[in-house]
Amino acid sequence: VSTKPTKTSYIQNYETLNLSGGKIKVTYDDKSTTTIDMTDEGVTVTGFSNTTIGEKTITIKYQEKTTTFKVTIEDKE
């Protein structure tokens, strides 16, 4: 993950995952690199659930490679 999404804190049972601003850096076998938006086609995201409070690990998969970042689910006040 080269840039985490703008939003990394969510309200329990209310907000959905928003990956805007999130980017991953991809390094190829020839050592060339590119930056991909987390919202781009071909990017798979798993691990988000807003049903329980606490820290959640979000997994980003692109071309058989994975990386992770964390988000926080907070109690609705």
C-alpha atoms as a PDB file:
ATOM      1  CA  VAL A   1       0.000   0.000   0.000  1.00  0.00           C
ATOM      2  CA  SER A   2       1.627   3.234  -1.081  1.00  0.00           C
ATOM      3  CA  THR A   3      -1.264   5.464   0.059  1.00  0.00           C
ATOM      4  CA  LYS A   4      -4.039   4.466   2.432  1.00  0.00           C
ATOM      5  CA  PRO A   5      -7.582   5.479   1.503  1.00  0.00           C
ATOM      6  CA  THR A   6      -8.705   8.878   2.754  1.00  0.00           C
ATOM      7  CA  LYS A   7     -11.228   7.222   5.086  1.00  0.00           C
ATOM      8  CA  THR A   8      -9.996   4.583   7.558  1.00  0.00           C
ATOM      9  CA  SER A   9     -12.583   4.935  10.336  1.00  0.00           C
ATOM     10  CA  TYR A  10     -16.186   3.768   9.997  1.00  0.00           C
ATOM     11  CA  ILE A  11     -19.356   3.768  12.096  1.00  0.00           C
ATOM     12  CA  GLN A  12     -20.615   0.317  13.101  1.00  0.00           C
ATOM     13  CA  ASN A  13     -23.525  -1.017  11.017  1.00  0.00           C
ATOM     14  CA  TYR A  14     -23.778   2.253   9.099  1.00  0.00           C
ATOM     15  CA  GLU A  15     -20.937   3.107   6.731  1.00  0.00           C
ATOM     16  CA  THR A  16     -19.574   1.047   3.862  1.00  0.00           C
ATOM     17  CA  LEU A  17     -15.950   0.761   2.777  1.00  0.00           C
ATOM     18  CA  ASN A  18     -14.693   3.726   0.760  1.00  0.00           C
ATOM     19  CA  LEU A  19     -11.360   3.169  -1.000  1.00  0.00           C
ATOM     20  CA  SER A  20     -11.104   6.658  -2.532  1.00  0.00           C
ATOM     21  CA  GLY A  21      -7.551   7.940  -2.449  1.00  0.00           C
ATOM     22  CA  GLY A  22      -6.077   4.482  -1.800  1.00  0.00           C
ATOM     23  CA  LYS A  23      -3.194   3.354  -3.994  1.00  0.00           C
ATOM     24  CA  ILE A  24      -0.966   0.301  -4.251  1.00  0.00           C
ATOM     25  CA  LYS A  25       2.502   0.159  -5.749  1.00  0.00           C
ATOM     26  CA  VAL A  26       3.102  -2.795  -8.051  1.00  0.00           C
ATOM     27  CA  THR A  27       6.648  -3.960  -8.783  1.00  0.00           C
ATOM     28  CA  TYR A  28       7.126  -6.292 -11.745  1.00  0.00           C
ATOM     29  CA  ASP A  29       9.814  -8.951 -12.320  1.00  0.00           C
ATOM     30  CA  ASP A  30      11.831  -6.511 -14.470  1.00  0.00           C
ATOM     31  CA  LYS A  31      11.874  -4.103 -11.456  1.00  0.00           C
ATOM     32  CA  SER A  32       9.580  -1.602 -13.190  1.00  0.00           C
ATOM     33  CA  THR A  33       6.820  -0.172 -10.997  1.00  0.00           C
ATOM     34  CA  THR A  34       3.400   1.349 -11.386  1.00  0.00           C
ATOM     35  CA  THR A  35       0.828   2.776  -9.016  1.00  0.00           C
ATOM     36  CA  ILE A  36      -2.733   1.415  -9.132  1.00  0.00           C
ATOM     37  CA  ASP A  37      -5.835   2.922  -7.533  1.00  0.00           C
ATOM     38  CA  MET A  38      -7.535   0.551  -5.106  1.00  0.00           C
ATOM     39  CA  THR A  39     -10.761   1.219  -7.007  1.00  0.00           C
ATOM     40  CA  ASP A  40      -9.328   0.116 -10.377  1.00  0.00           C
ATOM     41  CA  GLU A  41     -10.664  -2.865 -12.284  1.00  0.00           C
ATOM     42  CA  GLY A  42      -8.781  -6.026 -11.381  1.00  0.00           C
ATOM     43  CA  VAL A  43      -8.303  -5.045  -7.728  1.00  0.00           C
ATOM     44  CA  THR A  44     -10.088  -7.344  -5.250  1.00  0.00           C
ATOM     45  CA  VAL A  45     -10.841  -6.221  -1.699  1.00  0.00           C
ATOM     46  CA  THR A  46     -11.773  -8.523   1.202  1.00  0.00           C
ATOM     47  CA  GLY A  47     -11.976  -8.342   4.975  1.00  0.00           C
ATOM     48  CA  PHE A  48     -14.346  -5.424   5.545  1.00  0.00           C
ATOM     49  CA  SER A  49     -17.177  -5.943   7.982  1.00  0.00           C
ATOM     50  CA  ASN A  50     -18.788  -3.102   9.884  1.00  0.00           C
ATOM     51  CA  THR A  51     -20.850  -5.334  12.190  1.00  0.00           C
ATOM     52  CA  THR A  52     -18.367  -5.454  15.087  1.00  0.00           C
ATOM     53  CA  ILE A  53     -16.368  -2.683  16.718  1.00  0.00           C
ATOM     54  CA  GLY A  54     -12.580  -2.770  16.484  1.00  0.00           C
ATOM     55  CA  GLU A  55      -9.699  -2.877  14.064  1.00  0.00           C
ATOM     56  CA  LYS A  56     -10.172  -4.811  10.811  1.00  0.00           C
ATOM     57  CA  THR A  57      -7.516  -5.938   8.344  1.00  0.00           C
ATOM     58  CA  ILE A  58      -8.440  -5.193   4.738  1.00  0.00           C
ATOM     59  CA  THR A  59      -6.741  -7.347   2.088  1.00  0.00           C
ATOM     60  CA  ILE A  60      -6.058  -5.928  -1.365  1.00  0.00           C
ATOM     61  CA  LYS A  61      -5.277  -8.399  -4.157  1.00  0.00           C
ATOM     62  CA  TYR A  62      -3.965  -7.484  -7.601  1.00  0.00           C
ATOM     63  CA  GLN A  63      -2.484  -9.935 -10.122  1.00  0.00           C
ATOM     64  CA  GLU A  64      -2.060 -12.736  -7.556  1.00  0.00           C
ATOM     65  CA  LYS A  65      -0.205 -10.467  -5.096  1.00  0.00           C
ATOM     66  CA  THR A  66      -1.700  -9.252  -1.828  1.00  0.00           C
ATOM     67  CA  THR A  67      -1.162  -6.474   0.670  1.00  0.00           C
ATOM     68  CA  THR A  68      -3.108  -5.256   3.676  1.00  0.00           C
ATOM     69  CA  PHE A  69      -4.048  -2.155   5.644  1.00  0.00           C
ATOM     70  CA  LYS A  70      -6.216  -1.575   8.697  1.00  0.00           C
ATOM     71  CA  VAL A  71      -9.455   0.286   9.301  1.00  0.00           C
ATOM     72  CA  THR A  72     -11.327   0.949  12.549  1.00  0.00           C
ATOM     73  CA  ILE A  73     -15.006   0.297  13.191  1.00  0.00           C
ATOM     74  CA  GLU A  74     -16.361   2.635  15.877  1.00  0.00           C
ATOM     75  CA  ASP A  75     -19.497   2.628  17.976  1.00  0.00           C
ATOM     76  CA  LYS A  76     -22.274   4.933  16.795  1.00  0.00           C
ATOM     77  CA  GLU A  77     -22.489   7.704  19.378  1.00  0.00           C
END
